[in-house]
Protein backbone atom coordinates (compact mmCIF):
# COMPACT_ATOMS: atom_id res chain seq x y z
CA MET A 1 -33.62 72.04 -206.96
CA THR A 2 -33.28 68.38 -208.02
CA ILE A 3 -33.23 69.42 -211.69
CA LYS A 4 -30.29 71.77 -211.11
CA LEU A 5 -28.37 69.13 -209.13
CA ASN A 6 -29.08 66.58 -211.86
CA GLN A 7 -27.85 68.99 -214.57
CA LEU A 8 -24.78 69.85 -212.51
CA SER A 9 -24.03 66.15 -212.04
CA LYS A 10 -24.26 65.51 -215.83
CA LEU A 11 -22.04 68.52 -216.54
CA THR A 12 -19.43 67.30 -214.04
CA GLN A 13 -19.50 63.81 -215.57
CA LYS A 14 -19.09 65.28 -219.06
CA ASN A 15 -16.11 67.44 -217.97
CA THR A 16 -14.50 64.48 -216.22
CA PHE A 17 -14.93 62.34 -219.34
CA ILE A 18 -13.36 65.05 -221.55
CA LYS A 19 -10.43 65.40 -219.15
CA PHE A 20 -10.02 61.63 -219.15
CA LYS A 21 -9.96 61.53 -222.97
CA ILE A 22 -7.34 64.30 -223.06
CA LEU A 23 -5.24 62.46 -220.49
CA ILE A 24 -5.39 59.22 -222.51
CA LEU A 25 -4.45 61.10 -225.69
CA LEU A 26 -1.47 62.74 -223.99
CA CYS A 27 -0.33 59.40 -222.61
CA LEU A 28 -0.52 57.79 -226.05
CA LEU A 29 1.39 60.65 -227.64
CA TYR A 30 4.05 60.61 -224.94
CA THR A 31 4.46 56.84 -225.14
CA GLY A 32 4.82 57.01 -228.91
CA PHE A 33 7.56 59.61 -228.75
CA SER A 34 9.45 58.07 -225.87
CA SER A 35 9.53 54.57 -227.33
CA ALA A 36 10.61 55.59 -230.81
CA GLN A 37 14.10 54.33 -231.62
CA ILE A 38 16.79 56.97 -231.58
CA THR A 39 18.06 57.49 -235.11
CA ASN A 40 21.67 57.16 -233.99
CA ASP A 41 21.06 53.87 -232.18
CA ILE A 42 22.48 50.51 -233.24
CA SER A 43 19.86 48.27 -234.85
CA HIS A 44 19.43 44.67 -233.82
CA GLU A 45 20.76 43.61 -237.24
CA GLU A 46 23.93 45.66 -236.72
CA ALA A 47 24.32 44.28 -233.18
CA PHE A 48 23.97 40.74 -234.53
CA THR A 49 26.53 41.46 -237.29
CA ALA A 50 29.01 42.81 -234.73
CA ILE A 51 28.54 39.82 -232.41
CA LEU A 52 29.07 37.33 -235.23
CA ALA A 53 32.17 39.15 -236.50
CA ALA A 54 33.61 39.27 -232.99
CA LYS A 55 32.82 35.57 -232.47
CA LYS A 56 34.55 34.74 -235.76
CA GLU A 57 37.65 36.69 -234.65
CA ALA A 58 37.62 34.89 -231.29
CA GLU A 59 37.44 31.51 -233.02
CA LYS A 60 40.31 32.53 -235.31
CA SER A 61 42.32 33.42 -232.18
CA LYS A 62 41.29 30.13 -230.54
CA VAL A 63 39.84 31.87 -227.50
CA VAL A 64 36.39 31.63 -225.93
CA VAL A 65 34.86 34.90 -224.79
CA ASN A 66 31.71 36.71 -223.78
CA ILE A 67 30.59 39.44 -226.19
CA ALA A 68 28.19 42.24 -225.24
CA ILE A 69 26.68 44.96 -227.40
CA VAL A 70 25.02 48.04 -225.91
CA ASP A 71 22.96 50.64 -227.75
CA ALA A 72 23.47 54.41 -227.76
CA GLY A 73 21.84 54.61 -224.32
CA ALA A 74 24.22 51.95 -222.92
CA ASN A 75 21.40 49.40 -222.68
CA LEU A 76 22.23 45.79 -223.45
CA LYS A 77 21.27 45.10 -227.07
CA GLY A 78 22.93 41.76 -227.73
CA PHE A 79 25.04 39.19 -225.93
CA ILE A 80 26.67 35.83 -226.54
CA ARG A 81 28.53 33.58 -224.15
CA MET A 82 30.70 31.24 -226.15
CA ASP A 83 30.71 27.65 -224.88
CA GLU A 84 33.07 27.16 -221.95
CA SER A 85 33.84 30.87 -221.56
CA PHE A 86 34.36 32.16 -218.03
CA LEU A 87 31.16 32.90 -216.10
CA GLY A 88 32.88 35.82 -214.38
CA SER A 89 33.53 37.40 -217.78
CA ILE A 90 29.82 37.88 -218.46
CA ASP A 91 29.61 40.95 -216.23
CA VAL A 92 33.03 42.18 -217.35
CA ALA A 93 32.04 42.11 -221.04
CA ILE A 94 28.83 44.03 -220.34
CA LYS A 95 30.65 46.60 -218.19
CA LYS A 96 33.35 47.05 -220.83
CA ALA A 97 30.68 47.83 -223.43
CA LYS A 98 28.87 50.22 -221.08
CA THR A 99 32.10 51.96 -220.08
CA ALA A 100 33.08 52.43 -223.74
CA ARG A 101 29.67 54.01 -224.43
CA PHE A 102 29.48 56.11 -221.26
CA PHE A 103 32.74 57.84 -222.20
CA ASN A 104 32.87 57.21 -225.98
CA ILE A 105 36.39 55.87 -225.71
CA ASP A 106 38.26 52.60 -225.98
CA THR A 107 38.35 51.23 -222.43
CA GLY A 108 42.11 50.64 -222.72
CA LYS A 109 42.70 54.31 -223.50
CA LEU A 110 40.41 55.27 -220.61
CA GLY A 111 42.48 53.01 -218.37
CA GLU A 112 45.58 55.05 -219.15
CA LEU A 113 43.82 58.09 -217.63
CA THR A 114 42.69 56.23 -214.52
CA GLN A 115 46.07 55.16 -213.21
CA PRO A 116 47.30 56.56 -209.87
CA GLY A 117 48.14 60.18 -210.50
CA GLY A 118 45.95 60.16 -213.64
CA ILE A 119 43.44 62.91 -214.28
CA ILE A 120 40.46 60.65 -213.53
CA TYR A 121 41.98 58.25 -211.02
CA ASN A 122 39.33 56.00 -209.39
CA ILE A 123 36.59 56.79 -211.93
CA GLU A 124 36.03 53.04 -212.28
CA LEU A 125 34.30 53.20 -208.92
CA SER A 126 31.47 55.28 -210.44
CA ASN A 127 28.42 54.13 -212.41
CA ASP A 128 28.08 50.85 -210.49
CA GLY A 129 31.58 49.90 -211.56
CA LEU A 130 33.42 50.60 -214.78
CA ILE A 131 36.04 48.52 -216.54
CA THR A 132 39.11 50.52 -217.51
CA PHE A 133 41.25 47.95 -219.28
CA PRO A 134 41.12 46.93 -222.98
CA GLY A 135 38.18 45.12 -224.53
CA GLY A 136 35.48 47.81 -224.77
CA VAL A 137 35.15 49.87 -227.95
CA PRO A 138 32.56 52.38 -229.18
CA ILE A 139 30.69 51.38 -232.35
CA LYS A 140 30.28 54.04 -235.03
CA ASN A 141 28.00 54.06 -238.06
CA LYS A 142 29.11 54.97 -241.59
CA LYS A 143 28.54 58.66 -240.79
CA GLY A 144 30.96 58.46 -237.86
CA LYS A 145 28.25 58.74 -235.19
CA ILE A 146 28.57 56.56 -232.10
CA ILE A 147 25.58 54.21 -232.07
CA GLY A 148 26.61 51.81 -229.32
CA ALA A 149 29.59 49.87 -228.01
CA ILE A 150 30.98 46.36 -227.80
CA GLY A 151 32.63 44.69 -224.83
CA VAL A 152 34.62 41.46 -224.94
CA SER A 153 36.00 39.46 -222.02
CA GLY A 154 37.62 36.06 -221.62
CA GLY A 155 40.94 36.28 -223.44
CA THR A 156 44.02 38.36 -222.75
CA ILE A 157 43.39 42.10 -222.83
CA GLU A 158 45.10 42.22 -226.24
CA GLN A 159 42.82 39.46 -227.56
CA ASP A 160 39.71 41.07 -226.06
CA ARG A 161 40.57 44.39 -227.69
CA ALA A 162 41.30 42.87 -231.12
CA ILE A 163 38.03 40.91 -231.00
CA ALA A 164 36.06 44.01 -229.97
CA ILE A 165 37.61 46.08 -232.77
CA ALA A 166 36.73 43.37 -235.33
CA GLY A 167 33.12 43.44 -234.12
CA ALA A 168 32.91 47.24 -234.14
CA LYS A 169 34.37 47.53 -237.65
CA SER A 170 32.09 44.85 -239.09
CA ILE A 171 29.06 47.11 -239.45
CA LEU A 172 31.04 49.50 -241.64
CA GLU A 173 31.61 46.85 -244.31
């Protein structure tokens, strides 16, 4: 009787070990696939290029701003707060970039649709707050695919938009 219990115990341990190895293998495979960069995602080099181009445009316009870049999943990829820019504009720049990516549209154009009587009035109350005035622009790659977005805040809405467009276009050069 003790021999059979001993054999059964070894068999159970062996099966448990095999199941454990399979579980580890599945976890490794899943982690590898889920953490792979999306092929239509902005690279950190492109994000850096866009930030520097936007900063250069801001300096040319003599305005200090916050500049945010989000990736294709609307996750913050890069950010710069120019010296003496408004602290309150940090969140606005990030939300402009996210809004532009969530809807794949210039935030100024989205704002036109969100006015009272507009087809998506009050949408800015969704997604933990959206920004529906100019300064957020989708970023496209050379194939025309949206790979992220840029948001700029701190100047006038016209300045913010021009700076964002300069940043977005910079990766196409």
